[in-house]
Amino acid sequence: MTSSTGRPLRADARRNREKILAVAARVFAEEGLDAHFERIAKEAGVGSGTLYRNFPTREALIEAAYRNELSRLCDAAPDLLAAMPPQEALRAWMGRFIDYATAKLGMAEALRAVVDSGVNPYAQSRELIMNALTSLMDAATAAGTIRSDISASDMFAALTGVALASGRLDQREQAERLLDLTLDGLRYGTAD
């Protein structure tokens, strides 16, 4: 992670930035555009000056919070594959996708304001998600634990449907059941 000058951030500055982004995603999801910078700074445990130094505008903070959520989702794929069997890694990532979608849906109003300002925070979202999902599905297919006739694009559509139907926090139990059902459908036709 680098600063606005292009230099690498110190470890404490990087931690502060990460705390700000995590809190901002949650607060914007809860309050939309009405979220106050002071609340975000306080909950992140930083001063207002630190927040404004990192994110001089509301749009910059919203965009960075969204991109951070996207990165957390996509960067999880190789770690999950290293830590567990491919099918379990895929299922764990599917749960993280719902977390990402829930945050994105909650931030919809704030993200619209960013788009209205002329910035497209979604520019690479689909490509990054598809790369992560393809790696997980390829690994599970190679292990023989999921069908080979379902593409990552098909799976992305299914996950998006689950997120739209059950993406609110109060619907999480239903989302988990639907993810399990989706994974069961991926196993149909394998040797298992």
Protein backbone atom coordinates (compact mmCIF):
# COMPACT_ATOMS: atom_id res chain seq x y z
CA MET A 1 0.00 0.00 0.00
CA THR A 2 1.39 3.39 -0.94
CA SER A 3 0.71 6.95 0.12
CA SER A 4 -0.67 9.64 -2.17
CA THR A 5 2.96 10.57 -2.91
CA GLY A 6 3.68 7.04 -4.15
CA ARG A 7 5.86 6.08 -1.16
CA PRO A 8 5.08 2.94 0.83
CA LEU A 9 3.01 3.60 3.94
CA ARG A 10 4.55 3.04 7.36
CA ALA A 11 3.09 0.05 9.20
CA ASP A 12 1.10 2.23 11.61
CA ALA A 13 -0.23 4.39 8.78
CA ARG A 14 -1.23 1.26 6.85
CA ARG A 15 -3.05 -0.12 9.93
CA ASN A 16 -4.85 3.22 10.41
CA ARG A 17 -5.90 3.27 6.77
CA GLU A 18 -7.19 -0.31 6.97
CA LYS A 19 -9.17 0.47 10.16
CA ILE A 20 -10.67 3.57 8.55
CA LEU A 21 -11.74 1.62 5.45
CA ALA A 22 -13.32 -1.23 7.44
CA VAL A 23 -15.27 1.18 9.64
CA ALA A 24 -16.24 3.37 6.68
CA ALA A 25 -17.72 0.44 4.74
CA ARG A 26 -19.84 -0.52 7.75
CA VAL A 27 -20.92 3.04 8.60
CA PHE A 28 -21.77 3.97 5.00
CA ALA A 29 -23.75 0.71 4.75
CA GLU A 30 -25.65 1.66 7.92
CA GLU A 31 -26.14 5.38 7.29
CA GLY A 32 -25.57 6.01 3.59
CA LEU A 33 -24.51 9.53 2.69
CA ASP A 34 -25.53 10.79 6.13
CA ALA A 35 -22.49 9.10 7.69
CA HIS A 36 -20.28 11.56 9.54
CA PHE A 37 -16.51 11.56 9.12
CA GLU A 38 -16.15 12.21 12.86
CA ARG A 39 -17.97 8.95 13.70
CA ILE A 40 -15.83 7.01 11.26
CA ALA A 41 -12.63 8.50 12.69
CA LYS A 42 -13.71 7.86 16.28
CA GLU A 43 -14.75 4.23 15.64
CA ALA A 44 -11.52 3.62 13.73
CA GLY A 45 -9.54 5.02 16.66
CA VAL A 46 -7.90 7.80 14.64
CA GLY A 47 -8.13 11.56 14.64
CA SER A 48 -10.13 13.50 12.08
CA GLY A 49 -6.87 14.84 10.64
CA THR A 50 -5.67 11.31 9.89
CA LEU A 51 -8.94 10.51 8.15
CA TYR A 52 -8.88 13.69 6.04
CA ARG A 53 -5.18 13.24 5.20
CA ASN A 54 -5.96 9.82 3.75
CA PHE A 55 -9.34 10.69 2.24
CA PRO A 56 -9.82 14.40 1.54
CA THR A 57 -13.35 13.97 0.16
CA ARG A 58 -16.38 11.87 1.01
CA GLU A 59 -16.27 10.36 -2.49
CA ALA A 60 -12.62 9.34 -2.07
CA LEU A 61 -13.45 7.55 1.20
CA ILE A 62 -16.51 5.80 -0.24
CA GLU A 63 -14.61 4.64 -3.32
CA ALA A 64 -11.66 3.42 -1.24
CA ALA A 65 -13.96 1.59 1.20
CA TYR A 66 -15.71 -0.18 -1.68
CA ARG A 67 -12.43 -1.09 -3.40
CA ASN A 68 -11.07 -2.39 -0.08
CA GLU A 69 -14.09 -4.69 0.32
CA LEU A 70 -13.57 -5.91 -3.25
CA SER A 71 -9.87 -6.56 -2.63
CA ARG A 72 -10.58 -8.44 0.58
CA LEU A 73 -12.98 -10.71 -1.31
CA CYS A 74 -10.72 -11.37 -4.28
CA ASP A 75 -7.48 -11.66 -2.29
CA ALA A 76 -9.07 -14.34 -0.10
CA ALA A 77 -9.24 -16.93 -2.90
CA PRO A 78 -5.58 -18.05 -2.90
CA ASP A 79 -5.43 -18.05 0.91
CA LEU A 80 -8.55 -20.19 1.15
CA LEU A 81 -7.20 -22.63 -1.46
CA ALA A 82 -3.94 -22.91 0.50
CA ALA A 83 -5.77 -23.56 3.77
CA MET A 84 -8.49 -26.06 2.80
CA PRO A 85 -9.69 -28.47 0.13
CA PRO A 86 -10.95 -26.73 -3.03
CA GLN A 87 -14.65 -27.40 -2.48
CA GLU A 88 -14.47 -26.05 1.08
CA ALA A 89 -12.46 -23.05 -0.15
CA LEU A 90 -15.13 -22.34 -2.76
CA ARG A 91 -17.91 -22.54 -0.16
CA ALA A 92 -16.01 -20.28 2.26
CA TRP A 93 -15.46 -17.77 -0.55
CA MET A 94 -19.15 -17.90 -1.44
CA GLY A 95 -19.93 -16.75 2.11
CA ARG A 96 -17.43 -13.94 1.74
CA PHE A 97 -19.10 -12.97 -1.53
CA ILE A 98 -22.38 -12.50 0.36
CA ASP A 99 -20.51 -10.36 2.93
CA TYR A 100 -19.14 -8.23 0.08
CA ALA A 101 -22.54 -7.99 -1.62
CA THR A 102 -24.24 -7.05 1.66
CA ALA A 103 -21.73 -4.24 2.18
CA LYS A 104 -22.12 -3.12 -1.44
CA LEU A 105 -25.92 -3.12 -1.22
CA GLY A 106 -25.75 -1.17 2.02
CA MET A 107 -23.41 1.36 0.43
CA ALA A 108 -25.53 1.71 -2.73
CA GLU A 109 -26.61 5.29 -2.04
CA ALA A 110 -23.07 6.37 -1.20
CA LEU A 111 -21.66 4.57 -4.25
CA ARG A 112 -24.21 6.31 -6.50
CA ALA A 113 -22.82 9.62 -5.25
CA VAL A 114 -19.33 8.50 -6.29
CA VAL A 115 -20.59 7.52 -9.75
CA ASP A 116 -22.38 10.87 -10.03
CA SER A 117 -19.07 12.61 -9.30
CA GLY A 118 -17.61 11.02 -12.45
CA VAL A 119 -15.72 8.11 -10.88
CA ASN A 120 -16.52 4.48 -11.68
CA PRO A 121 -15.66 2.40 -8.61
CA TYR A 122 -16.92 -0.72 -10.40
CA ALA A 123 -14.50 -0.43 -13.35
CA GLN A 124 -12.61 -3.66 -12.61
CA SER A 125 -14.98 -5.34 -10.15
CA ARG A 126 -16.38 -8.04 -12.42
CA GLU A 127 -12.97 -8.96 -13.83
CA LEU A 128 -11.39 -9.27 -10.37
CA ILE A 129 -14.30 -11.31 -9.00
CA MET A 130 -14.34 -13.57 -12.05
CA ASN A 131 -10.59 -14.22 -11.72
CA ALA A 132 -10.97 -15.22 -8.07
CA LEU A 133 -14.04 -17.34 -8.72
CA THR A 134 -12.45 -19.04 -11.75
CA SER A 135 -9.40 -20.05 -9.69
CA LEU A 136 -11.63 -21.58 -7.01
CA MET A 137 -13.87 -23.39 -9.48
CA ASP A 138 -10.93 -24.65 -11.53
CA ALA A 139 -9.34 -26.11 -8.40
CA ALA A 140 -12.59 -27.80 -7.32
CA THR A 141 -13.17 -29.14 -10.86
CA ALA A 142 -9.62 -30.50 -11.00
CA ALA A 143 -10.23 -32.20 -7.64
CA GLY A 144 -13.37 -33.79 -9.10
CA THR A 145 -15.64 -32.30 -6.43
CA ILE A 146 -17.78 -30.07 -8.65
CA ARG A 147 -19.22 -30.37 -12.14
CA SER A 148 -17.12 -29.19 -15.04
CA ASP A 149 -20.03 -27.90 -17.14
CA ILE A 150 -20.80 -24.84 -14.98
CA SER A 151 -18.78 -21.74 -15.80
CA ALA A 152 -17.57 -19.10 -13.38
CA SER A 153 -19.92 -16.71 -15.17
CA ASP A 154 -22.86 -19.02 -14.36
CA MET A 155 -21.74 -19.24 -10.76
CA PHE A 156 -21.36 -15.45 -10.52
CA ALA A 157 -24.95 -15.08 -11.75
CA ALA A 158 -26.16 -17.58 -9.13
CA LEU A 159 -24.26 -15.83 -6.33
CA THR A 160 -25.58 -12.47 -7.46
CA GLY A 161 -29.11 -13.88 -7.35
CA VAL A 162 -28.59 -15.16 -3.81
CA ALA A 163 -27.19 -11.78 -2.79
CA LEU A 164 -30.12 -9.88 -4.30
CA ALA A 165 -32.71 -12.23 -2.78
CA SER A 166 -31.08 -12.62 0.64
CA GLY A 167 -28.32 -10.04 0.93
CA ARG A 168 -29.58 -8.12 3.95
CA LEU A 169 -27.98 -8.81 7.31
CA ASP A 170 -31.27 -10.09 8.72
CA GLN A 171 -31.46 -12.64 5.87
CA ARG A 172 -28.07 -14.25 6.46
CA GLU A 173 -29.44 -17.65 7.55
CA GLN A 174 -31.45 -17.88 4.33
CA ALA A 175 -28.41 -16.81 2.29
CA GLU A 176 -26.33 -19.58 3.88
CA ARG A 177 -28.98 -22.19 3.04
CA LEU A 178 -29.12 -20.93 -0.55
CA LEU A 179 -25.32 -21.08 -0.83
CA ASP A 180 -25.38 -24.68 0.41
CA LEU A 181 -28.08 -25.49 -2.15
CA THR A 182 -26.02 -23.86 -4.90
CA LEU A 183 -22.94 -25.86 -3.91
CA ASP A 184 -25.04 -29.06 -3.83
CA GLY A 185 -26.08 -28.27 -7.42
CA LEU A 186 -22.42 -27.98 -8.39
CA ARG A 187 -21.76 -31.46 -7.04
CA TYR A 188 -24.62 -33.07 -9.00
CA GLY A 189 -23.14 -35.23 -11.73
CA THR A 190 -19.73 -35.72 -10.10
CA ALA A 191 -18.57 -39.09 -8.85
CA ASP A 192 -19.53 -38.13 -5.24
